[in-house]
Amino acid sequence: MNGDWLIRGRDGRLSVYLPAGDTVLCRAELGADGRWEPPRRVGGEQKLRPGPAFGQGADSYAHLAAWRPTKPGESGLVHTTHFRPRLAALDWASIGHPDGTGDRTGSPAVTVDAQGRAHVFVRNRAGGMSMRGQKQVGGWGPWRDLKGRDVAERPAAVVGESGRVELYAAVPGAVLHWRQEEPGSVPVLEEALETPVRADTLYALATSAEHTTLFYADEADGLWAWRPGSEPVRLLTSAGPGPLRALRCRLDGHDCTLLARRSAAGRVAFAAYPTEQESAGAWWTESGPPLPEDALVALALDEGGRVVAATLSPSDGRLLVTRRKDEPGLALEAWREV
């Protein structure tokens, strides 16, 4: 999965998106007492290929993109919007293929600009990056070739506080950065950072009115933070394998960035530091039970602004959730299965 699969909806309730064979399921909170509804299929009966992507706009609507089989040896991308977690999502709608026709070319990424327009990014057959975005008046614009070469499987898309869309993608020995020059425009390739990046570790977060920050791991297991226009900063040693997640939150009255990933010991490791102040340092603290090797980690804020963490194991569908306690620091409640 690519993107944030744990979100807070427009009604304030949390929901999770779970891949299940050839479909995506959604589960939503029924209330603050820990009850969740049973899984429901998203987007109708359309069969999907593995690896859906998730994004959410300022209006709290969730946007999903995924590949679907079209005919033997070929696939196309589809998109759906989920307006409220406890309502049915729209049916999957085709948005085509970046090369017109062909098979799956890479994992999609989706993000949503300040006007609520979804932007879907995916690697094309030539190894560059392509994008298709929704129009303000409805429908979709054409596929755009954003250039680049040898881009990796999974890009990281984000919308800054300015409302403009940005994209990061790994290439051998470097990270590429695209950014919209103005809202609604096609993102342009602005900068390439030479760095020994691990392509499966990128995660981008809006961290101020001026900047987004990219987090990534290198081949020596260092975890780095990079804001385009500046030099990357080594934060700490990676806690373990698997995708990284980051969240801005308030801890004891301070604007902080919280990081989470599965540790080498199999538990969830957390680290926090003042946002955009990497020099303050950070360290990992582990929590929860040991998890399967394929377990994913997600972070969100609930209706009351409390940090919520979730883990999901695609192999067995087991979902665990915890919340921050109402006390100083990052003390968490006991993890529970839902």
Protein backbone atom coordinates (compact mmCIF):
# COMPACT_ATOMS: atom_id res chain seq x y z
CA MET A 1 0.00 0.00 0.00
CA ASN A 2 1.17 3.53 -0.72
CA GLY A 3 -0.01 6.46 1.40
CA ASP A 4 -1.92 6.80 4.66
CA TRP A 5 -4.36 3.93 5.11
CA LEU A 6 -5.48 5.15 8.58
CA ILE A 7 -7.46 8.41 8.31
CA ARG A 8 -9.89 10.60 10.22
CA GLY A 9 -13.00 11.22 8.18
CA ARG A 10 -15.23 14.26 7.81
CA ASP A 11 -17.43 12.98 10.66
CA GLY A 12 -14.43 12.75 12.99
CA ARG A 13 -14.37 8.95 13.00
CA LEU A 14 -11.28 6.97 12.16
CA SER A 15 -11.24 4.44 9.37
CA VAL A 16 -8.73 2.00 7.92
CA TYR A 17 -8.33 0.59 4.42
CA LEU A 18 -7.32 -3.04 4.19
CA PRO A 19 -6.17 -4.88 1.05
CA ALA A 20 -7.91 -8.24 0.77
CA GLY A 21 -7.09 -10.33 -2.27
CA ASP A 22 -8.47 -8.55 -5.32
CA THR A 23 -10.30 -5.81 -3.42
CA VAL A 24 -9.94 -3.13 -0.73
CA LEU A 25 -11.97 -3.23 2.47
CA CYS A 26 -12.82 -0.37 4.82
CA ARG A 27 -13.47 -0.48 8.55
CA ALA A 28 -14.74 2.56 10.47
CA GLU A 29 -15.07 3.47 14.13
CA LEU A 30 -18.58 3.30 15.52
CA GLY A 31 -17.71 5.51 18.48
CA ALA A 32 -15.02 6.53 20.93
CA ASP A 33 -15.63 3.37 23.00
CA GLY A 34 -13.39 1.24 20.81
CA ARG A 35 -16.08 -0.43 18.65
CA TRP A 36 -15.50 -0.70 14.89
CA GLU A 37 -17.87 -1.81 12.17
CA PRO A 38 -17.20 -5.01 10.19
CA PRO A 39 -15.15 -4.69 6.98
CA ARG A 40 -16.99 -3.40 3.89
CA ARG A 41 -15.88 -3.62 0.27
CA VAL A 42 -14.79 -0.31 -1.30
CA GLY A 43 -15.88 0.83 -4.75
CA GLY A 44 -18.14 -2.00 -5.87
CA GLU A 45 -17.28 -5.37 -7.37
CA GLN A 46 -14.31 -4.28 -9.50
CA LYS A 47 -11.35 -6.68 -9.15
CA LEU A 48 -8.05 -4.96 -8.35
CA ARG A 49 -4.38 -5.76 -8.53
CA PRO A 50 -2.31 -5.52 -5.30
CA GLY A 51 -0.88 -2.21 -4.12
CA PRO A 52 -3.61 0.44 -3.76
CA ALA A 53 -2.72 4.07 -3.01
CA PHE A 54 -4.44 6.44 -0.59
CA GLY A 55 -4.65 10.20 -0.18
CA GLN A 56 -6.82 12.69 1.69
CA GLY A 57 -7.71 16.31 1.08
CA ALA A 58 -8.36 19.22 3.43
CA ASP A 59 -12.08 18.41 3.06
CA SER A 60 -11.30 15.03 4.71
CA TYR A 61 -12.49 13.06 1.68
CA ALA A 62 -10.42 9.95 1.01
CA HIS A 63 -9.16 9.21 -2.50
CA LEU A 64 -8.00 5.76 -3.59
CA ALA A 65 -6.22 4.66 -6.75
CA ALA A 66 -5.34 1.14 -7.89
CA TRP A 67 -4.56 -0.98 -10.91
CA ARG A 68 -7.20 -3.30 -12.32
CA PRO A 69 -6.81 -6.07 -14.90
CA THR A 70 -8.37 -5.11 -18.24
CA LYS A 71 -7.44 -8.02 -20.51
CA PRO A 72 -4.67 -10.63 -20.51
CA GLY A 73 -1.32 -8.88 -20.08
CA GLU A 74 -2.84 -5.41 -19.65
CA SER A 75 -4.03 -3.22 -16.77
CA GLY A 76 -5.53 0.20 -16.19
CA LEU A 77 -5.76 2.56 -13.26
CA VAL A 78 -9.01 3.25 -11.40
CA HIS A 79 -9.97 5.87 -8.81
CA THR A 80 -12.67 6.24 -6.18
CA THR A 81 -13.66 8.88 -3.62
CA HIS A 82 -14.90 8.03 -0.14
CA PHE A 83 -16.74 10.99 1.35
CA ARG A 84 -17.47 9.57 4.81
CA PRO A 85 -16.09 6.40 6.41
CA ARG A 86 -19.51 4.96 7.30
CA LEU A 87 -21.00 5.63 3.87
CA ALA A 88 -20.31 3.66 0.70
CA ALA A 89 -17.50 4.94 -1.52
CA LEU A 90 -18.15 5.83 -5.15
CA ASP A 91 -17.71 3.00 -7.63
CA TRP A 92 -14.24 2.61 -9.10
CA ALA A 93 -13.90 4.74 -12.26
CA SER A 94 -11.27 4.19 -14.94
CA ILE A 95 -8.56 6.83 -15.38
CA GLY A 96 -6.61 4.89 -17.99
CA HIS A 97 -2.94 4.08 -18.41
CA PRO A 98 0.00 6.53 -18.55
CA ASP A 99 1.14 4.94 -21.83
CA GLY A 100 -2.34 4.48 -23.28
CA THR A 101 -2.21 0.69 -23.02
CA GLY A 102 -0.01 -1.89 -21.36
CA ASP A 103 0.46 -3.72 -18.10
CA ARG A 104 1.09 -2.34 -14.63
CA THR A 105 4.11 0.00 -14.61
CA GLY A 106 4.56 0.76 -10.89
CA SER A 107 2.81 1.55 -7.62
CA PRO A 108 0.54 4.60 -7.89
CA ALA A 109 0.57 7.48 -5.43
CA VAL A 110 -2.34 9.86 -4.88
CA THR A 111 -2.61 13.23 -3.18
CA VAL A 112 -5.26 15.97 -3.10
CA ASP A 113 -4.68 19.70 -3.58
CA ALA A 114 -6.28 22.58 -1.67
CA GLN A 115 -9.21 22.66 -4.12
CA GLY A 116 -10.02 18.99 -3.51
CA ARG A 117 -8.60 17.76 -6.83
CA ALA A 118 -6.96 14.35 -6.76
CA HIS A 119 -3.61 13.85 -8.50
CA VAL A 120 -2.51 10.32 -9.37
CA PHE A 121 1.18 9.64 -10.06
CA VAL A 122 2.71 6.48 -11.46
CA ARG A 123 5.89 5.40 -13.20
CA ASN A 124 5.49 5.05 -16.97
CA ARG A 125 6.89 2.45 -19.37
CA ALA A 126 9.94 4.61 -20.17
CA GLY A 127 10.92 4.77 -16.49
CA GLY A 128 9.84 8.38 -15.95
CA MET A 129 6.94 9.72 -13.90
CA SER A 130 3.45 10.46 -15.20
CA MET A 131 0.49 12.24 -13.59
CA ARG A 132 -3.21 12.65 -14.19
CA GLY A 133 -5.21 15.22 -12.20
CA GLN A 134 -8.86 16.00 -11.68
CA LYS A 135 -10.29 19.16 -13.21
CA GLN A 136 -11.88 21.83 -11.05
CA VAL A 137 -15.20 21.50 -12.91
CA GLY A 138 -15.25 17.71 -12.93
CA GLY A 139 -13.62 14.97 -14.90
CA TRP A 140 -9.91 14.42 -15.44
CA GLY A 141 -7.24 16.18 -17.42
CA PRO A 142 -4.88 14.30 -19.74
CA TRP A 143 -1.97 12.16 -18.64
CA ARG A 144 1.14 14.33 -18.26
CA ASP A 145 4.72 13.10 -18.68
CA LEU A 146 6.73 14.64 -15.82
CA LYS A 147 10.04 13.29 -17.18
CA GLY A 148 12.72 11.66 -15.09
CA ARG A 149 14.34 8.27 -15.71
CA ASP A 150 14.91 5.03 -13.82
CA VAL A 151 12.44 6.06 -11.11
CA ALA A 152 11.70 3.47 -8.45
CA GLU A 153 8.48 1.59 -7.87
CA ARG A 154 6.88 3.72 -5.14
CA PRO A 155 6.85 7.56 -5.24
CA ALA A 156 5.80 9.78 -2.32
CA ALA A 157 3.18 12.46 -3.06
CA VAL A 158 2.24 15.28 -0.67
CA VAL A 159 0.42 18.62 -0.60
CA GLY A 160 2.17 21.45 1.21
CA GLU A 161 0.45 23.95 3.47
CA SER A 162 0.44 26.23 0.42
CA GLY A 163 -1.99 23.78 -1.21
CA ARG A 164 0.46 22.94 -3.98
CA VAL A 165 1.24 19.37 -4.95
CA GLU A 166 4.75 17.95 -4.59
CA LEU A 167 6.24 14.59 -5.53
CA TYR A 168 9.37 12.72 -4.53
CA ALA A 169 10.76 9.64 -6.25
CA ALA A 170 13.93 7.62 -5.83
CA VAL A 171 16.32 6.90 -8.71
CA PRO A 172 19.66 5.10 -8.48
CA GLY A 173 21.80 7.20 -6.14
CA ALA A 174 19.41 10.15 -5.89
CA VAL A 175 15.97 11.54 -5.02
CA LEU A 176 13.99 13.65 -7.51
CA HIS A 177 11.60 16.41 -6.42
CA TRP A 178 8.70 17.84 -8.46
CA ARG A 179 6.54 20.80 -7.37
CA GLN A 180 3.67 22.84 -8.75
CA GLU A 181 4.70 26.41 -9.48
CA GLU A 182 1.09 27.50 -8.87
CA PRO A 183 -2.12 25.70 -7.86
CA GLY A 184 -3.56 23.64 -10.68
CA SER A 185 -0.38 23.65 -12.75
CA VAL A 186 1.60 20.60 -13.83
CA PRO A 187 4.36 19.78 -11.31
CA VAL A 188 7.85 20.41 -12.66
CA LEU A 189 11.11 18.70 -11.80
CA GLU A 190 12.93 21.17 -9.56
CA GLU A 191 15.81 19.39 -7.86
CA ALA A 192 17.76 16.17 -7.64
CA LEU A 193 19.50 15.22 -4.40
CA GLU A 194 22.42 12.85 -4.76
CA THR A 195 22.12 10.39 -1.87
CA PRO A 196 22.33 6.60 -1.35
CA VAL A 197 18.58 6.25 -0.83
CA ARG A 198 16.66 3.02 -0.23
CA ALA A 199 13.83 3.32 -2.73
CA ASP A 200 11.14 1.68 -0.56
CA THR A 201 11.49 4.07 2.41
CA LEU A 202 10.26 7.46 1.13
CA TYR A 203 7.61 9.35 3.11
CA ALA A 204 6.77 13.06 2.62
CA LEU A 205 5.10 15.38 5.14
CA ALA A 206 4.05 19.05 5.10
CA THR A 207 6.06 20.60 7.95
CA SER A 208 5.60 24.38 7.58
CA ALA A 209 4.04 27.01 5.34
CA GLU A 210 7.18 26.98 3.19
CA HIS A 211 8.35 23.39 3.25
CA THR A 212 7.59 19.74 2.92
CA THR A 213 10.07 17.28 4.42
CA LEU A 214 11.06 13.98 2.89
CA PHE A 215 12.10 11.16 5.21
CA TYR A 216 14.11 8.28 3.81
CA ALA A 217 16.62 5.61 4.81
CA ASP A 218 20.00 5.05 3.22
CA GLU A 219 21.83 1.81 2.50
CA ALA A 220 23.72 2.10 5.82
CA ASP A 221 20.45 2.20 7.82
CA GLY A 222 20.61 5.89 8.55
CA LEU A 223 17.29 7.78 8.63
CA TRP A 224 17.41 11.19 6.96
CA ALA A 225 15.22 14.29 6.66
CA TRP A 226 15.46 16.50 3.57
CA ARG A 227 13.78 19.77 2.66
CA PRO A 228 14.43 20.82 -0.93
CA GLY A 229 16.76 23.77 -1.14
CA SER A 230 18.81 22.60 1.82
CA GLU A 231 21.12 19.74 2.75
CA PRO A 232 19.68 16.50 4.17
CA VAL A 233 20.10 15.88 7.91
CA ARG A 234 20.75 12.48 9.46
CA LEU A 235 18.20 12.02 12.24
CA LEU A 236 19.06 8.65 13.73
CA THR A 237 19.68 5.02 12.87
CA SER A 238 16.72 3.25 11.29
CA ALA A 239 14.76 1.24 13.83
CA GLY A 240 14.19 -1.63 11.45
CA PRO A 241 12.79 -2.64 8.06
CA GLY A 242 9.56 -1.66 6.41
CA PRO A 243 7.85 1.59 5.43
CA LEU A 244 8.24 4.69 7.60
CA ARG A 245 5.34 6.90 8.69
CA ALA A 246 5.43 10.48 9.99
CA LEU A 247 2.82 12.77 11.58
CA ARG A 248 2.78 16.34 12.85
CA CYS A 249 1.17 16.58 16.27
CA ARG A 250 1.27 18.58 19.48
CA LEU A 251 3.12 16.93 22.34
CA ASP A 252 3.06 18.82 25.63
CA GLY A 253 2.17 22.01 23.77
CA HIS A 254 4.97 21.74 21.20
CA ASP A 255 4.70 21.27 17.42
CA CYS A 256 6.41 17.91 16.93
CA THR A 257 7.02 15.40 14.18
CA LEU A 258 6.35 11.81 15.20
CA LEU A 259 7.99 8.95 13.30
CA ALA A 260 6.96 5.29 13.42
CA ARG A 261 8.05 2.04 11.79
CA ARG A 262 8.34 -1.63 12.61
CA SER A 263 11.53 -2.27 14.59
CA ALA A 264 14.09 -5.01 14.00
CA ALA A 265 12.65 -6.72 17.09
CA GLY A 266 9.21 -6.76 15.46
CA ARG A 267 7.50 -4.13 17.64
CA VAL A 268 6.45 -0.59 16.71
CA ALA A 269 9.20 1.98 17.27
CA PHE A 270 8.36 5.68 17.80
CA ALA A 271 10.59 8.76 17.74
CA ALA A 272 9.60 12.42 18.09
CA TYR A 273 11.36 15.76 17.76
CA PRO A 274 10.39 19.45 17.35
CA THR A 275 9.20 19.94 13.78
CA GLU A 276 11.97 21.05 11.39
CA GLN A 277 14.47 21.08 14.28
CA GLU A 278 16.35 17.90 13.48
CA SER A 279 19.37 19.15 15.44
CA ALA A 280 17.36 18.66 18.65
CA GLY A 281 17.82 14.91 18.21
CA ALA A 282 15.46 11.97 18.46
CA TRP A 283 15.53 8.40 19.74
CA TRP A 284 13.40 5.30 19.29
CA THR A 285 11.02 3.89 21.89
CA GLU A 286 9.35 0.54 21.21
CA SER A 287 5.74 -0.32 22.01
CA GLY A 288 3.23 -3.13 21.58
CA PRO A 289 3.57 -6.84 20.86
CA PRO A 290 5.89 -8.44 18.30
CA LEU A 291 4.41 -8.22 14.81
CA PRO A 292 4.67 -10.33 11.64
CA GLU A 293 7.37 -9.38 9.15
CA ASP A 294 4.82 -7.90 6.74
CA ALA A 295 3.16 -5.67 9.37
CA LEU A 296 2.55 -2.05 8.33
CA VAL A 297 2.33 0.94 10.66
CA ALA A 298 0.08 4.01 10.36
CA LEU A 299 -0.40 7.25 12.31
CA ALA A 300 -3.30 9.70 12.57
CA LEU A 301 -4.96 12.19 14.93
CA ASP A 302 -8.41 11.42 16.33
CA GLU A 303 -11.27 13.87 16.73
CA GLY A 304 -9.79 15.12 20.01
CA GLY A 305 -6.32 15.62 18.53
CA ARG A 306 -4.83 12.55 20.20
CA VAL A 307 -2.22 10.50 18.39
CA VAL A 308 -3.54 7.15 17.14
CA ALA A 309 -1.27 4.38 15.87
CA ALA A 310 -2.36 1.26 14.03
CA THR A 311 -0.65 -1.82 12.66
CA LEU A 312 -1.93 -4.13 9.96
CA SER A 313 -0.59 -7.48 8.81
CA PRO A 314 -1.74 -8.11 5.21
CA SER A 315 -1.04 -11.83 5.56
CA ASP A 316 -3.61 -12.36 8.31
CA GLY A 317 -5.64 -9.11 8.30
CA ARG A 318 -4.96 -8.52 11.98
CA LEU A 319 -5.51 -4.86 12.93
CA LEU A 320 -4.15 -3.42 16.20
CA VAL A 321 -4.84 0.12 17.44
CA THR A 322 -3.60 2.30 20.29
CA ARG A 323 -4.10 5.93 21.38
CA ARG A 324 -2.03 8.41 23.31
CA LYS A 325 -3.00 8.67 26.98
CA ASP A 326 -4.09 12.00 28.45
CA GLU A 327 -0.80 12.57 30.23
CA PRO A 328 2.60 14.14 29.46
CA GLY A 329 4.89 12.60 26.88
CA LEU A 330 3.92 9.91 24.41
CA ALA A 331 2.45 7.35 26.78
CA LEU A 332 0.14 5.00 24.88
CA GLU A 333 -2.84 2.91 25.88
CA ALA A 334 -2.60 -0.86 25.64
CA TRP A 335 -2.72 -2.07 22.02
CA ARG A 336 -6.01 -3.80 21.21
CA GLU A 337 -7.19 -5.84 18.27
CA VAL A 338 -10.27 -4.54 16.41
